[in-house]
C-alpha atoms as a PDB file:
ATOM      1  CA  MET A   1      39.235-101.595  50.368  1.00  0.00           C
ATOM      2  CA  ARG A   2      38.081 -97.983  50.271  1.00  0.00           C
ATOM      3  CA  VAL A   3      35.478 -96.530  47.914  1.00  0.00           C
ATOM      4  CA  LYS A   4      36.683 -93.446  46.054  1.00  0.00           C
ATOM      5  CA  ARG A   5      33.291 -92.221  44.742  1.00  0.00           C
ATOM      6  CA  GLY A   6      34.986 -90.783  41.659  1.00  0.00           C
ATOM      7  CA  PHE A   7      32.426 -91.599  38.977  1.00  0.00           C
ATOM      8  CA  LYS A   8      29.278 -90.862  40.983  1.00  0.00           C
ATOM      9  CA  ALA A   9      30.604 -87.603  42.456  1.00  0.00           C
ATOM     10  CA  ARG A  10      31.885 -86.409  39.078  1.00  0.00           C
ATOM     11  CA  ARG A  11      28.567 -87.242  37.410  1.00  0.00           C
ATOM     12  CA  ARG A  12      26.658 -85.339  40.105  1.00  0.00           C
ATOM     13  CA  ARG A  13      28.934 -82.296  39.760  1.00  0.00           C
ATOM     14  CA  ASN A  14      28.811 -82.348  35.959  1.00  0.00           C
ATOM     15  CA  ARG A  15      25.014 -82.532  36.004  1.00  0.00           C
ATOM     16  CA  LYS A  16      24.928 -79.365  38.107  1.00  0.00           C
ATOM     17  CA  LEU A  17      27.658 -77.637  36.086  1.00  0.00           C
ATOM     18  CA  LYS A  18      25.580 -78.176  32.949  1.00  0.00           C
ATOM     19  CA  LEU A  19      22.967 -75.818  34.457  1.00  0.00           C
ATOM     20  CA  VAL A  20      25.503 -72.968  34.740  1.00  0.00           C
ATOM     21  CA  SER A  21      26.921 -73.288  31.229  1.00  0.00           C
ATOM     22  CA  GLY A  22      25.837 -69.758  30.261  1.00  0.00           C
ATOM     23  CA  PHE A  23      27.510 -68.090  33.214  1.00  0.00           C
ATOM     24  CA  VAL A  24      30.818 -66.228  32.923  1.00  0.00           C
ATOM     25  CA  SER A  25      34.330 -67.116  34.116  1.00  0.00           C
ATOM     26  CA  GLY A  26      34.661 -68.875  37.488  1.00  0.00           C
ATOM     27  CA  ARG A  27      30.923 -68.809  37.943  1.00  0.00           C
ATOM     28  CA  ARG A  28      30.738 -71.681  35.499  1.00  0.00           C
ATOM     29  CA  ARG A  29      34.076 -73.425  36.110  1.00  0.00           C
ATOM     30  CA  ILE A  30      34.635 -73.373  39.876  1.00  0.00           C
ATOM     31  CA  TYR A  31      32.140 -75.742  41.452  1.00  0.00           C
ATOM     32  CA  ARG A  32      31.560 -73.899  44.730  1.00  0.00           C
ATOM     33  CA  GLN A  33      31.191 -70.517  43.019  1.00  0.00           C
ATOM     34  CA  ALA A  34      28.962 -72.034  40.359  1.00  0.00           C
ATOM     35  CA  MET A  35      26.638 -73.574  42.952  1.00  0.00           C
ATOM     36  CA  GLU A  36      26.357 -70.284  44.835  1.00  0.00           C
ATOM     37  CA  THR A  37      25.441 -68.460  41.629  1.00  0.00           C
ATOM     38  CA  LEU A  38      23.070 -71.224  40.536  1.00  0.00           C
ATOM     39  CA  ARG A  39      21.230 -71.144  43.870  1.00  0.00           C
ATOM     40  CA  ARG A  40      20.771 -67.392  43.528  1.00  0.00           C
ATOM     41  CA  ALA A  41      19.691 -67.698  39.887  1.00  0.00           C
ATOM     42  CA  LEU A  42      17.068 -70.312  40.741  1.00  0.00           C
ATOM     43  CA  ASN A  43      15.742 -68.093  43.546  1.00  0.00           C
ATOM     44  CA  TYR A  44      15.421 -65.158  41.139  1.00  0.00           C
ATOM     45  CA  ALA A  45      13.696 -67.368  38.577  1.00  0.00           C
ATOM     46  CA  PHE A  46      11.196 -68.574  41.185  1.00  0.00           C
ATOM     47  CA  ARG A  47      10.504 -65.026  42.399  1.00  0.00           C
ATOM     48  CA  ASP A  48      10.250 -63.527  38.921  1.00  0.00           C
ATOM     49  CA  ARG A  49       7.781 -66.099  37.608  1.00  0.00           C
ATOM     50  CA  ARG A  50       5.340 -64.530  40.059  1.00  0.00           C
ATOM     51  CA  GLN A  51       6.576 -60.967  39.488  1.00  0.00           C
ATOM     52  CA  ASN A  52       6.023 -61.411  35.749  1.00  0.00           C
ATOM     53  CA  LYS A  53       2.300 -61.999  36.284  1.00  0.00           C
ATOM     54  CA  ARG A  54       2.044 -58.798  38.349  1.00  0.00           C
ATOM     55  CA  ASP A  55       3.961 -56.785  35.753  1.00  0.00           C
ATOM     56  CA  PHE A  56       1.722 -57.906  32.901  1.00  0.00           C
ATOM     57  CA  ARG A  57      -1.431 -57.129  34.877  1.00  0.00           C
ATOM     58  CA  LYS A  58      -0.066 -53.603  35.538  1.00  0.00           C
ATOM     59  CA  LEU A  59       0.612 -53.164  31.815  1.00  0.00           C
ATOM     60  CA  TRP A  60      -2.898 -54.316  30.853  1.00  0.00           C
ATOM     61  CA  ILE A  61      -4.490 -51.979  33.386  1.00  0.00           C
ATOM     62  CA  ALA A  62      -2.421 -49.026  32.114  1.00  0.00           C
ATOM     63  CA  ARG A  63      -3.498 -49.739  28.518  1.00  0.00           C
ATOM     64  CA  ILE A  64      -7.169 -50.116  29.424  1.00  0.00           C
ATOM     65  CA  SER A  65      -7.043 -46.965  31.535  1.00  0.00           C
ATOM     66  CA  ALA A  66      -5.505 -44.930  28.692  1.00  0.00           C
ATOM     67  CA  ALA A  67      -8.099 -46.182  26.202  1.00  0.00           C
ATOM     68  CA  ALA A  68     -10.932 -45.536  28.676  1.00  0.00           C
ATOM     69  CA  LYS A  69      -9.706 -41.971  29.244  1.00  0.00           C
ATOM     70  CA  ASN A  70      -9.813 -41.424  25.464  1.00  0.00           C
ATOM     71  CA  ASN A  71     -13.505 -42.348  25.707  1.00  0.00           C
ATOM     72  CA  ASN A  72     -14.101 -39.994  28.674  1.00  0.00           C
ATOM     73  CA  ILE A  73     -14.605 -42.650  31.337  1.00  0.00           C
ATOM     74  CA  SER A  74     -12.394 -43.659  34.236  1.00  0.00           C
ATOM     75  CA  TYR A  75     -10.854 -47.127  34.420  1.00  0.00           C
ATOM     76  CA  SER A  76     -12.738 -48.036  37.604  1.00  0.00           C
ATOM     77  CA  LYS A  77     -16.130 -46.949  36.218  1.00  0.00           C
ATOM     78  CA  PHE A  78     -15.450 -48.812  32.989  1.00  0.00           C
ATOM     79  CA  ILE A  79     -14.595 -52.071  34.799  1.00  0.00           C
ATOM     80  CA  HIS A  80     -17.555 -51.625  37.164  1.00  0.00           C
ATOM     81  CA  GLY A  81     -19.899 -51.070  34.220  1.00  0.00           C
ATOM     82  CA  LEU A  82     -18.633 -54.209  32.489  1.00  0.00           C
ATOM     83  CA  LYS A  83     -19.162 -56.202  35.686  1.00  0.00           C
ATOM     84  CA  GLN A  84     -22.744 -54.877  35.904  1.00  0.00           C
ATOM     85  CA  ALA A  85     -23.269 -55.921  32.261  1.00  0.00           C
ATOM     86  CA  ASN A  86     -21.994 -59.451  33.059  1.00  0.00           C
ATOM     87  CA  CYS A  87     -19.181 -59.039  30.530  1.00  0.00           C
ATOM     88  CA  VAL A  88     -16.625 -61.789  31.160  1.00  0.00           C
ATOM     89  CA  LEU A  89     -13.661 -60.329  29.249  1.00  0.00           C
ATOM     90  CA  ASP A  90     -10.514 -60.285  31.362  1.00  0.00           C
ATOM     91  CA  ARG A  91      -7.973 -57.479  31.458  1.00  0.00           C
ATOM     92  CA  LYS A  92      -5.602 -59.194  29.037  1.00  0.00           C
ATOM     93  CA  ILE A  93      -8.283 -59.384  26.339  1.00  0.00           C
ATOM     94  CA  LEU A  94      -9.575 -55.869  27.081  1.00  0.00           C
ATOM     95  CA  ALA A  95      -6.045 -54.442  26.734  1.00  0.00           C
ATOM     96  CA  ASP A  96      -5.595 -56.281  23.432  1.00  0.00           C
ATOM     97  CA  ILE A  97      -8.902 -54.897  22.118  1.00  0.00           C
ATOM     98  CA  ALA A  98      -7.939 -51.401  23.303  1.00  0.00           C
ATOM     99  CA  VAL A  99      -4.667 -51.531  21.343  1.00  0.00           C
ATOM    100  CA  ARG A 100      -5.755 -53.392  18.189  1.00  0.00           C
ATOM    101  CA  ASP A 101      -9.392 -52.374  17.716  1.00  0.00           C
ATOM    102  CA  PRO A 102     -10.327 -48.998  19.261  1.00  0.00           C
ATOM    103  CA  GLN A 103     -13.822 -49.040  17.681  1.00  0.00           C
ATOM    104  CA  SER A 104     -14.739 -52.276  19.439  1.00  0.00           C
ATOM    105  CA  PHE A 105     -13.363 -50.832  22.649  1.00  0.00           C
ATOM    106  CA  THR A 106     -15.607 -47.780  22.201  1.00  0.00           C
ATOM    107  CA  SER A 107     -18.620 -50.087  21.884  1.00  0.00           C
ATOM    108  CA  LEU A 108     -17.549 -51.812  25.115  1.00  0.00           C
ATOM    109  CA  VAL A 109     -17.356 -48.383  26.791  1.00  0.00           C
ATOM    110  CA  GLU A 110     -20.914 -47.664  25.617  1.00  0.00           C
ATOM    111  CA  LEU A 111     -22.052 -51.013  27.037  1.00  0.00           C
ATOM    112  CA  ALA A 112     -20.406 -50.174  30.371  1.00  0.00           C
ATOM    113  CA  ARG A 113     -21.992 -46.685  30.401  1.00  0.00           C
ATOM    114  CA  LYS A 114     -25.437 -48.125  29.719  1.00  0.00           C
ATOM    115  CA  HIS A 115     -25.181 -50.452  32.737  1.00  0.00           C
ATOM    116  CA  LEU A 116     -23.781 -47.827  35.090  1.00  0.00           C
ATOM    117  CA  GLY A 117     -27.179 -46.134  35.247  1.00  0.00           C
END
């Protein structure tokens, strides 16, 4: 007697088709097309989880640089001065301070200037 694999195969396909439920047209209904699109989507997701970190770091650096220029110091000198002062604030926090509390950022610039020599 032959084994038809109906239930197991259908369950496996349905499990994968559940992942493509937001896609449009045949990309969610036709199994082969759906799997091709899903594979590509998962690759983009994997790549962009790393890209996202780079993009945010760029944004933070741009914000810090703009705030530092308002205080007449370059970004690189500001960061170097903070390193000399053993200030452990990372770029995410510095960018947040630059946007939300410019006076505190100015005091950080003064700290960096003092340690530059």
